[in-house]
Every structure is written in C-alpha cells, then in structure tokens.
Amino acid sequence: MYSIGEVSKMFDLPVSTLRYYDKEGLFPNMQRVSGIRKFSDNEIEAIRVIECLKKSGLEIKEIKQFMEWCSEGPSTYEKRKALFEERRKAVKKEMQQLQKTLDMLAFKCWYYDQAMQDGNEDRINALIPHNLPSPIQQFYNSSHEN
C-alpha cells in the first residue's frame, strides 16, 4: 500500500490530481485507513492506464467511461479493445506528424550549418529540391509531403 505522497512522487503527479481522479471515481475500490487514501497495486496500474489514455488524447470523462466499462466485466471487452485500437491509431498518426516535424528540423539545421559555412544560401538553394545529399534529401522529402 502506498500513500498519496508516495504515488505523487512515483508518477510525478500533483497530489491534487490524484485527489481529483479519486473524486471522479477512477479508483472505485481504493481503501481508506482512518480517512487516508491507501493506493494498492490496482490503483497504481489504474494510474498507468489513466496517464496513457490522457497522453493519447482522451479527456477525463472518456477515461471515466472506460473505467466504468472495466467494472462491468467481460461484456465490455470489445468496447475497451476498440477504445485502445482507436487511441493507438491516433497516436500513430501523431507520431507520423511529429516525424515530419523532426525531419524539417533536421533539414533546417543542416541548411543553416551549410549557410554559415558558405556565408550565404546560394549553393544550398541551387540544390533544392532534388539535388541534396542523400540523407538530407530524405529529410527534405519527408518534411514536404502532404
């Protein structure tokens, strides 16, 4: 069993956030000893899932729905799996967008390294869009895809 302070440190979450999760019913079976919350391994795992779903773009009300499905048992397996499939798809799409951003940043870092070496952008601009060095060409192409 863990105290709210220990869990706060464990997950780098404010105590107020953990209290909010509890108030929203996300820890339906949490034990209290003399009114003090005691987090078991079940609540620790719930926090891992809650934080995953939050980072994937879900709001607390949607996470609460997921937690309600969990308490309903096996009849909601399909709904729960569909939720995770949807979130996985959304995160993959976001990762693709972030990869394009990272590729643009890599291209621009190379671009300005070259411009500083040359003292201008003339040679580099003559290479764009199809005559860049191979790895840089890949960054450029990726960052300019629609």
N, C-alpha and C. Protein backbone atom coordinates (compact mmCIF):
# COMPACT_ATOMS: atom_id res chain seq x y z
N MET A 1 0.84 -1.18 0.00
CA MET A 1 0.00 0.00 0.00
C MET A 1 0.89 1.24 0.00
N TYR A 2 0.44 2.24 -0.74
CA TYR A 2 1.21 3.47 -0.89
C TYR A 2 0.37 4.67 -0.43
N SER A 3 1.05 5.65 0.12
CA SER A 3 0.37 6.89 0.49
C SER A 3 0.21 7.76 -0.75
N ILE A 4 -0.63 8.76 -0.67
CA ILE A 4 -0.84 9.66 -1.81
C ILE A 4 0.45 10.41 -2.15
N GLY A 5 1.25 10.73 -1.14
CA GLY A 5 2.53 11.39 -1.38
C GLY A 5 3.50 10.50 -2.14
N GLU A 6 3.54 9.22 -1.77
CA GLU A 6 4.43 8.28 -2.47
C GLU A 6 4.01 8.12 -3.92
N VAL A 7 2.70 8.02 -4.15
CA VAL A 7 2.19 7.85 -5.51
C VAL A 7 2.46 9.12 -6.32
N SER A 8 2.29 10.26 -5.69
CA SER A 8 2.57 11.54 -6.34
C SER A 8 4.00 11.59 -6.86
N LYS A 9 4.95 11.17 -6.03
CA LYS A 9 6.36 11.15 -6.43
C LYS A 9 6.62 10.09 -7.50
N MET A 10 5.99 8.94 -7.33
CA MET A 10 6.18 7.82 -8.25
C MET A 10 5.83 8.22 -9.69
N PHE A 11 4.74 8.97 -9.84
CA PHE A 11 4.25 9.33 -11.17
C PHE A 11 4.50 10.78 -11.54
N ASP A 12 5.15 11.51 -10.64
CA ASP A 12 5.39 12.94 -10.87
C ASP A 12 4.07 13.65 -11.18
N LEU A 13 3.08 13.35 -10.36
CA LEU A 13 1.76 13.96 -10.47
C LEU A 13 1.46 14.74 -9.20
N PRO A 14 0.83 15.89 -9.31
CA PRO A 14 0.44 16.61 -8.10
C PRO A 14 -0.56 15.79 -7.28
N VAL A 15 -0.48 15.93 -5.98
CA VAL A 15 -1.43 15.27 -5.08
C VAL A 15 -2.85 15.67 -5.46
N SER A 16 -3.02 16.94 -5.86
CA SER A 16 -4.37 17.41 -6.24
C SER A 16 -4.93 16.63 -7.42
N THR A 17 -4.07 16.22 -8.34
CA THR A 17 -4.52 15.41 -9.48
C THR A 17 -5.01 14.05 -9.02
N LEU A 18 -4.28 13.43 -8.12
CA LEU A 18 -4.70 12.13 -7.59
C LEU A 18 -6.01 12.24 -6.83
N ARG A 19 -6.17 13.32 -6.08
CA ARG A 19 -7.44 13.53 -5.37
C ARG A 19 -8.58 13.73 -6.37
N TYR A 20 -8.29 14.45 -7.45
CA TYR A 20 -9.30 14.68 -8.49
C TYR A 20 -9.70 13.35 -9.13
N TYR A 21 -8.73 12.52 -9.46
CA TYR A 21 -9.05 11.21 -10.04
C TYR A 21 -9.95 10.42 -9.09
N ASP A 22 -9.63 10.46 -7.81
CA ASP A 22 -10.43 9.75 -6.82
C ASP A 22 -11.85 10.33 -6.78
N LYS A 23 -11.95 11.64 -6.75
CA LYS A 23 -13.25 12.32 -6.71
C LYS A 23 -14.09 11.96 -7.95
N GLU A 24 -13.43 11.77 -9.09
CA GLU A 24 -14.13 11.41 -10.33
C GLU A 24 -14.49 9.93 -10.39
N GLY A 25 -14.11 9.18 -9.39
CA GLY A 25 -14.49 7.77 -9.33
C GLY A 25 -13.56 6.84 -10.09
N LEU A 26 -12.34 7.28 -10.36
CA LEU A 26 -11.42 6.44 -11.13
C LEU A 26 -10.74 5.36 -10.29
N PHE A 27 -10.91 5.43 -8.96
CA PHE A 27 -10.38 4.41 -8.06
C PHE A 27 -11.53 3.86 -7.20
N PRO A 28 -12.46 3.15 -7.81
CA PRO A 28 -13.67 2.75 -7.08
C PRO A 28 -13.43 1.84 -5.87
N ASN A 29 -12.34 1.10 -5.86
CA ASN A 29 -12.10 0.15 -4.77
C ASN A 29 -10.96 0.57 -3.84
N MET A 30 -10.58 1.85 -3.89
CA MET A 30 -9.47 2.30 -3.05
C MET A 30 -9.84 2.20 -1.57
N GLN A 31 -8.89 1.70 -0.82
CA GLN A 31 -9.10 1.58 0.62
C GLN A 31 -8.71 2.89 1.31
N ARG A 32 -9.36 3.13 2.42
CA ARG A 32 -9.01 4.26 3.28
C ARG A 32 -8.81 3.74 4.69
N VAL A 33 -7.77 4.23 5.31
CA VAL A 33 -7.50 3.88 6.70
C VAL A 33 -7.58 5.17 7.49
N SER A 34 -8.56 5.26 8.37
CA SER A 34 -8.83 6.48 9.13
C SER A 34 -8.99 7.68 8.20
N GLY A 35 -9.66 7.45 7.06
CA GLY A 35 -9.92 8.52 6.11
C GLY A 35 -8.77 8.84 5.17
N ILE A 36 -7.65 8.15 5.33
CA ILE A 36 -6.47 8.42 4.48
C ILE A 36 -6.44 7.41 3.34
N ARG A 37 -6.29 7.94 2.12
CA ARG A 37 -6.25 7.08 0.94
C ARG A 37 -5.02 6.17 0.99
N LYS A 38 -5.24 4.91 0.64
CA LYS A 38 -4.16 3.94 0.53
C LYS A 38 -4.23 3.33 -0.87
N PHE A 39 -3.19 3.53 -1.64
CA PHE A 39 -3.14 3.06 -3.02
C PHE A 39 -2.54 1.67 -3.07
N SER A 40 -3.30 0.74 -3.63
CA SER A 40 -2.81 -0.63 -3.81
C SER A 40 -2.20 -0.74 -5.21
N ASP A 41 -1.71 -1.93 -5.52
CA ASP A 41 -1.18 -2.17 -6.87
C ASP A 41 -2.26 -1.98 -7.93
N ASN A 42 -3.53 -2.21 -7.57
CA ASN A 42 -4.63 -1.99 -8.53
C ASN A 42 -4.75 -0.52 -8.91
N GLU A 43 -4.65 0.37 -7.93
CA GLU A 43 -4.72 1.80 -8.22
C GLU A 43 -3.48 2.26 -8.98
N ILE A 44 -2.33 1.68 -8.65
CA ILE A 44 -1.09 2.03 -9.36
C ILE A 44 -1.24 1.69 -10.84
N GLU A 45 -1.77 0.50 -11.13
CA GLU A 45 -1.98 0.11 -12.53
C GLU A 45 -3.02 1.00 -13.18
N ALA A 46 -4.07 1.34 -12.43
CA ALA A 46 -5.10 2.25 -12.98
C ALA A 46 -4.48 3.59 -13.36
N ILE A 47 -3.58 4.10 -12.53
CA ILE A 47 -2.92 5.38 -12.84
C ILE A 47 -2.10 5.25 -14.12
N ARG A 48 -1.41 4.14 -14.29
CA ARG A 48 -0.63 3.93 -15.52
C ARG A 48 -1.56 4.00 -16.74
N VAL A 49 -2.70 3.35 -16.66
CA VAL A 49 -3.65 3.34 -17.77
C VAL A 49 -4.25 4.74 -17.96
N ILE A 50 -4.61 5.39 -16.88
CA ILE A 50 -5.18 6.74 -16.96
C ILE A 50 -4.20 7.68 -17.64
N GLU A 51 -2.96 7.65 -17.21
CA GLU A 51 -1.95 8.54 -17.80
C GLU A 51 -1.70 8.21 -19.27
N CYS A 52 -1.72 6.94 -19.62
CA CYS A 52 -1.59 6.53 -21.02
C CYS A 52 -2.74 7.11 -21.84
N LEU A 53 -3.95 6.93 -21.35
CA LEU A 53 -5.11 7.42 -22.09
C LEU A 53 -5.13 8.94 -22.18
N LYS A 54 -4.71 9.61 -21.12
CA LYS A 54 -4.62 11.07 -21.17
C LYS A 54 -3.62 11.51 -22.24
N LYS A 55 -2.46 10.89 -22.23
CA LYS A 55 -1.42 11.25 -23.20
C LYS A 55 -1.84 10.92 -24.63
N SER A 56 -2.75 9.98 -24.77
CA SER A 56 -3.23 9.62 -26.10
C SER A 56 -4.35 10.54 -26.58
N GLY A 57 -4.77 11.48 -25.71
CA GLY A 57 -5.74 12.48 -26.13
C GLY A 57 -7.12 12.37 -25.52
N LEU A 58 -7.35 11.40 -24.64
CA LEU A 58 -8.67 11.28 -24.03
C LEU A 58 -8.85 12.27 -22.90
N GLU A 59 -10.08 12.68 -22.70
CA GLU A 59 -10.44 13.53 -21.58
C GLU A 59 -10.87 12.66 -20.41
N ILE A 60 -10.88 13.26 -19.23
CA ILE A 60 -11.22 12.50 -18.01
C ILE A 60 -12.59 11.85 -18.13
N LYS A 61 -13.58 12.52 -18.71
CA LYS A 61 -14.91 11.92 -18.81
C LYS A 61 -14.87 10.64 -19.66
N GLU A 62 -14.01 10.61 -20.69
CA GLU A 62 -13.88 9.42 -21.53
C GLU A 62 -13.13 8.32 -20.78
N ILE A 63 -12.15 8.72 -20.00
CA ILE A 63 -11.41 7.75 -19.18
C ILE A 63 -12.33 7.16 -18.12
N LYS A 64 -13.18 8.01 -17.56
CA LYS A 64 -14.15 7.55 -16.57
C LYS A 64 -15.07 6.50 -17.20
N GLN A 65 -15.49 6.73 -18.44
CA GLN A 65 -16.33 5.75 -19.14
C GLN A 65 -15.59 4.43 -19.28
N PHE A 66 -14.32 4.50 -19.65
CA PHE A 66 -13.51 3.29 -19.76
C PHE A 66 -13.46 2.55 -18.43
N MET A 67 -13.24 3.28 -17.34
CA MET A 67 -13.16 2.65 -16.02
C MET A 67 -14.50 2.01 -15.64
N GLU A 68 -15.60 2.64 -16.04
CA GLU A 68 -16.92 2.05 -15.79
C GLU A 68 -17.07 0.75 -16.57
N TRP A 69 -16.59 0.75 -17.81
CA TRP A 69 -16.64 -0.48 -18.61
C TRP A 69 -15.85 -1.58 -17.90
N CYS A 70 -14.70 -1.23 -17.35
CA CYS A 70 -13.88 -2.23 -16.64
C CYS A 70 -14.67 -2.86 -15.50
N SER A 71 -15.41 -2.04 -14.79
CA SER A 71 -16.17 -2.57 -13.64
C SER A 71 -17.36 -3.41 -14.09
N GLU A 72 -17.79 -3.25 -15.33
CA GLU A 72 -18.92 -4.03 -15.85
C GLU A 72 -18.52 -5.45 -16.23
N GLY A 73 -17.22 -5.70 -16.36
CA GLY A 73 -16.76 -7.06 -16.64
C GLY A 73 -16.59 -7.40 -18.10
N PRO A 74 -16.55 -8.71 -18.39
CA PRO A 74 -16.23 -9.21 -19.72
C PRO A 74 -17.15 -8.72 -20.85
N SER A 75 -18.35 -8.35 -20.53
CA SER A 75 -19.28 -7.92 -21.59
C SER A 75 -18.79 -6.66 -22.31
N THR A 76 -17.81 -5.95 -21.74
CA THR A 76 -17.33 -4.71 -22.35
C THR A 76 -15.94 -4.86 -22.98
N TYR A 77 -15.44 -6.06 -23.08
CA TYR A 77 -14.12 -6.27 -23.67
C TYR A 77 -14.01 -5.64 -25.05
N GLU A 78 -15.03 -5.85 -25.89
CA GLU A 78 -14.97 -5.30 -27.26
C GLU A 78 -14.88 -3.79 -27.25
N LYS A 79 -15.67 -3.14 -26.40
CA LYS A 79 -15.64 -1.68 -26.30
C LYS A 79 -14.27 -1.21 -25.85
N ARG A 80 -13.72 -1.90 -24.86
CA ARG A 80 -12.41 -1.50 -24.32
C ARG A 80 -11.33 -1.67 -25.36
N LYS A 81 -11.36 -2.80 -26.06
CA LYS A 81 -10.35 -3.03 -27.11
C LYS A 81 -10.49 -1.99 -28.21
N ALA A 82 -11.72 -1.69 -28.61
CA ALA A 82 -11.95 -0.69 -29.66
C ALA A 82 -11.39 0.68 -29.25
N LEU A 83 -11.57 1.02 -27.98
CA LEU A 83 -11.02 2.28 -27.47
C LEU A 83 -9.50 2.31 -27.63
N PHE A 84 -8.84 1.24 -27.24
CA PHE A 84 -7.39 1.19 -27.34
C PHE A 84 -6.92 1.15 -28.80
N GLU A 85 -7.65 0.47 -29.66
CA GLU A 85 -7.31 0.47 -31.09
C GLU A 85 -7.41 1.88 -31.66
N GLU A 86 -8.48 2.59 -31.30
CA GLU A 86 -8.67 3.96 -31.77
C GLU A 86 -7.55 4.86 -31.27
N ARG A 87 -7.19 4.72 -30.01
CA ARG A 87 -6.13 5.55 -29.44
C ARG A 87 -4.79 5.23 -30.09
N ARG A 88 -4.54 3.94 -30.35
CA ARG A 88 -3.28 3.54 -30.99
C ARG A 88 -3.19 4.17 -32.38
N LYS A 89 -4.28 4.14 -33.10
CA LYS A 89 -4.32 4.73 -34.44
C LYS A 89 -4.04 6.25 -34.37
N ALA A 90 -4.67 6.92 -33.41
CA ALA A 90 -4.47 8.37 -33.25
C ALA A 90 -3.03 8.69 -32.87
N VAL A 91 -2.44 7.88 -32.00
CA VAL A 91 -1.06 8.13 -31.58
C VAL A 91 -0.10 7.88 -32.75
N LYS A 92 -0.35 6.84 -33.53
CA LYS A 92 0.50 6.59 -34.71
C LYS A 92 0.44 7.77 -35.68
N LYS A 93 -0.74 8.31 -35.89
CA LYS A 93 -0.88 9.46 -36.77
C LYS A 93 -0.10 10.66 -36.22
N GLU A 94 -0.23 10.86 -34.93
CA GLU A 94 0.51 11.96 -34.28
C GLU A 94 2.01 11.75 -34.40
N MET A 95 2.45 10.50 -34.25
CA MET A 95 3.88 10.19 -34.39
C MET A 95 4.37 10.48 -35.80
N GLN A 96 3.55 10.18 -36.80
CA GLN A 96 3.92 10.49 -38.19
C GLN A 96 4.08 11.99 -38.38
N GLN A 97 3.17 12.76 -37.80
CA GLN A 97 3.27 14.22 -37.89
C GLN A 97 4.52 14.72 -37.17
N LEU A 98 4.80 14.15 -36.02
CA LEU A 98 6.00 14.54 -35.28
C LEU A 98 7.26 14.16 -36.05
N GLN A 99 7.23 13.03 -36.76
CA GLN A 99 8.39 12.63 -37.57
C GLN A 99 8.63 13.63 -38.69
N LYS A 100 7.55 14.10 -39.31
CA LYS A 100 7.70 15.13 -40.34
C LYS A 100 8.30 16.40 -39.74
N THR A 101 7.86 16.75 -38.56
CA THR A 101 8.41 17.93 -37.88
C THR A 101 9.88 17.73 -37.57
N LEU A 102 10.23 16.56 -37.06
CA LEU A 102 11.63 16.27 -36.76
C LEU A 102 12.48 16.30 -38.02
N ASP A 103 11.96 15.78 -39.12
CA ASP A 103 12.69 15.80 -40.38
C ASP A 103 12.91 17.23 -40.88
N MET A 104 11.90 18.10 -40.73
CA MET A 104 12.07 19.50 -41.12
C MET A 104 13.14 20.17 -40.26
N LEU A 105 13.12 19.89 -38.97
CA LEU A 105 14.13 20.46 -38.07
C LEU A 105 15.53 19.98 -38.46
N ALA A 106 15.67 18.71 -38.79
CA ALA A 106 16.97 18.17 -39.21
C ALA A 106 17.42 18.84 -40.50
N PHE A 107 16.51 18.98 -41.46
CA PHE A 107 16.84 19.63 -42.72
C PHE A 107 17.30 21.07 -42.48
N LYS A 108 16.53 21.81 -41.68
CA LYS A 108 16.86 23.21 -41.44
C LYS A 108 18.17 23.37 -40.66
N CYS A 109 18.46 22.47 -39.74
CA CYS A 109 19.75 22.52 -39.04
C CYS A 109 20.90 22.35 -40.04
N TRP A 110 20.76 21.35 -40.92
CA TRP A 110 21.77 21.15 -41.97
C TRP A 110 21.86 22.39 -42.86
N TYR A 111 20.71 22.90 -43.26
CA TYR A 111 20.63 24.07 -44.15
C TYR A 111 21.42 25.24 -43.57
N TYR A 112 21.19 25.55 -42.31
CA TYR A 112 21.85 26.71 -41.72
C TYR A 112 23.31 26.43 -41.37
N ASP A 113 23.67 25.18 -41.11
CA ASP A 113 25.09 24.84 -40.98
C ASP A 113 25.81 25.16 -42.28
N GLN A 114 25.19 24.74 -43.40
CA GLN A 114 25.79 25.00 -44.71
C GLN A 114 25.85 26.49 -45.02
N ALA A 115 24.78 27.19 -44.72
CA ALA A 115 24.73 28.64 -44.98
C ALA A 115 25.81 29.36 -44.17
N MET A 116 26.02 28.95 -42.94
CA MET A 116 27.06 29.59 -42.12
C MET A 116 28.45 29.29 -42.68
N GLN A 117 28.65 28.05 -43.15
CA GLN A 117 29.96 27.70 -43.75
C GLN A 117 30.21 28.50 -45.02
N ASP A 118 29.16 28.63 -45.85
CA ASP A 118 29.30 29.30 -47.14
C ASP A 118 29.22 30.82 -47.01
N GLY A 119 28.59 31.30 -45.97
CA GLY A 119 28.39 32.73 -45.82
C GLY A 119 27.17 33.24 -46.56
N ASN A 120 26.45 32.34 -47.21
CA ASN A 120 25.19 32.69 -47.90
C ASN A 120 24.42 31.41 -48.19
N GLU A 121 23.25 31.56 -48.82
CA GLU A 121 22.38 30.41 -49.09
C GLU A 121 22.34 30.01 -50.56
N ASP A 122 23.14 30.65 -51.38
CA ASP A 122 23.06 30.44 -52.83
C ASP A 122 23.30 28.98 -53.23
N ARG A 123 24.40 28.38 -52.77
CA ARG A 123 24.72 27.00 -53.16
C ARG A 123 23.63 26.03 -52.69
N ILE A 124 23.15 26.24 -51.46
CA ILE A 124 22.13 25.35 -50.90
C ILE A 124 20.84 25.45 -51.69
N ASN A 125 20.43 26.68 -51.99
CA ASN A 125 19.18 26.86 -52.74
C ASN A 125 19.26 26.27 -54.13
N ALA A 126 20.47 26.20 -54.69
CA ALA A 126 20.64 25.57 -56.01
C ALA A 126 20.45 24.05 -55.92
N LEU A 127 20.62 23.48 -54.74
CA LEU A 127 20.47 22.03 -54.55
C LEU A 127 19.01 21.62 -54.33
N ILE A 128 18.20 22.58 -53.90
CA ILE A 128 16.80 22.29 -53.57
C ILE A 128 15.96 22.34 -54.85
N PRO A 129 15.08 21.45 -55.12
CA PRO A 129 14.57 20.42 -54.24
C PRO A 129 15.12 19.02 -54.49
N HIS A 130 15.90 18.78 -55.59
CA HIS A 130 16.20 17.39 -55.95
C HIS A 130 17.68 17.02 -55.92
N ASN A 131 18.56 17.89 -55.52
CA ASN A 131 19.98 17.58 -55.60
C ASN A 131 20.69 17.67 -54.25
N LEU A 132 19.97 17.45 -53.20
CA LEU A 132 20.54 17.48 -51.85
C LEU A 132 21.29 16.18 -51.57
N PRO A 133 22.25 16.20 -50.64
CA PRO A 133 22.89 14.94 -50.24
C PRO A 133 21.83 13.94 -49.77
N SER A 134 22.06 12.67 -50.01
CA SER A 134 21.06 11.63 -49.81
C SER A 134 20.30 11.68 -48.47
N PRO A 135 20.98 11.65 -47.31
CA PRO A 135 20.18 11.67 -46.07
C PRO A 135 19.40 12.96 -45.90
N ILE A 136 19.96 14.07 -46.35
CA ILE A 136 19.30 15.36 -46.25
C ILE A 136 18.11 15.40 -47.20
N GLN A 137 18.26 14.77 -48.36
CA GLN A 137 17.16 14.69 -49.32
C GLN A 137 15.97 13.97 -48.71
N GLN A 138 16.25 12.91 -47.95
CA GLN A 138 15.17 12.17 -47.28
C GLN A 138 14.45 13.04 -46.26
N PHE A 139 15.21 13.81 -45.49
CA PHE A 139 14.59 14.73 -44.52
C PHE A 139 13.73 15.75 -45.25
N TYR A 140 14.28 16.29 -46.32
CA TYR A 140 13.55 17.31 -47.09
C TYR A 140 12.25 16.72 -47.65
N ASN A 141 12.38 15.57 -48.31
CA ASN A 141 11.20 14.94 -48.92
C ASN A 141 10.12 14.64 -47.88
N SER A 142 10.54 14.07 -46.78
CA SER A 142 9.59 13.71 -45.73
C SER A 142 8.89 14.95 -45.18
N SER A 143 9.65 15.99 -44.97
CA SER A 143 9.07 17.20 -44.36
C SER A 143 8.19 17.99 -45.32
N HIS A 144 8.28 17.67 -46.61
CA HIS A 144 7.48 18.40 -47.60
C HIS A 144 6.34 17.58 -48.19
N GLU A 145 6.12 16.37 -47.64
CA GLU A 145 4.99 15.55 -48.08
C GLU A 145 3.70 16.14 -47.54
N ASN A 146 2.64 15.98 -48.29
CA ASN A 146 1.33 16.45 -47.82
C ASN A 146 0.61 15.39 -47.06
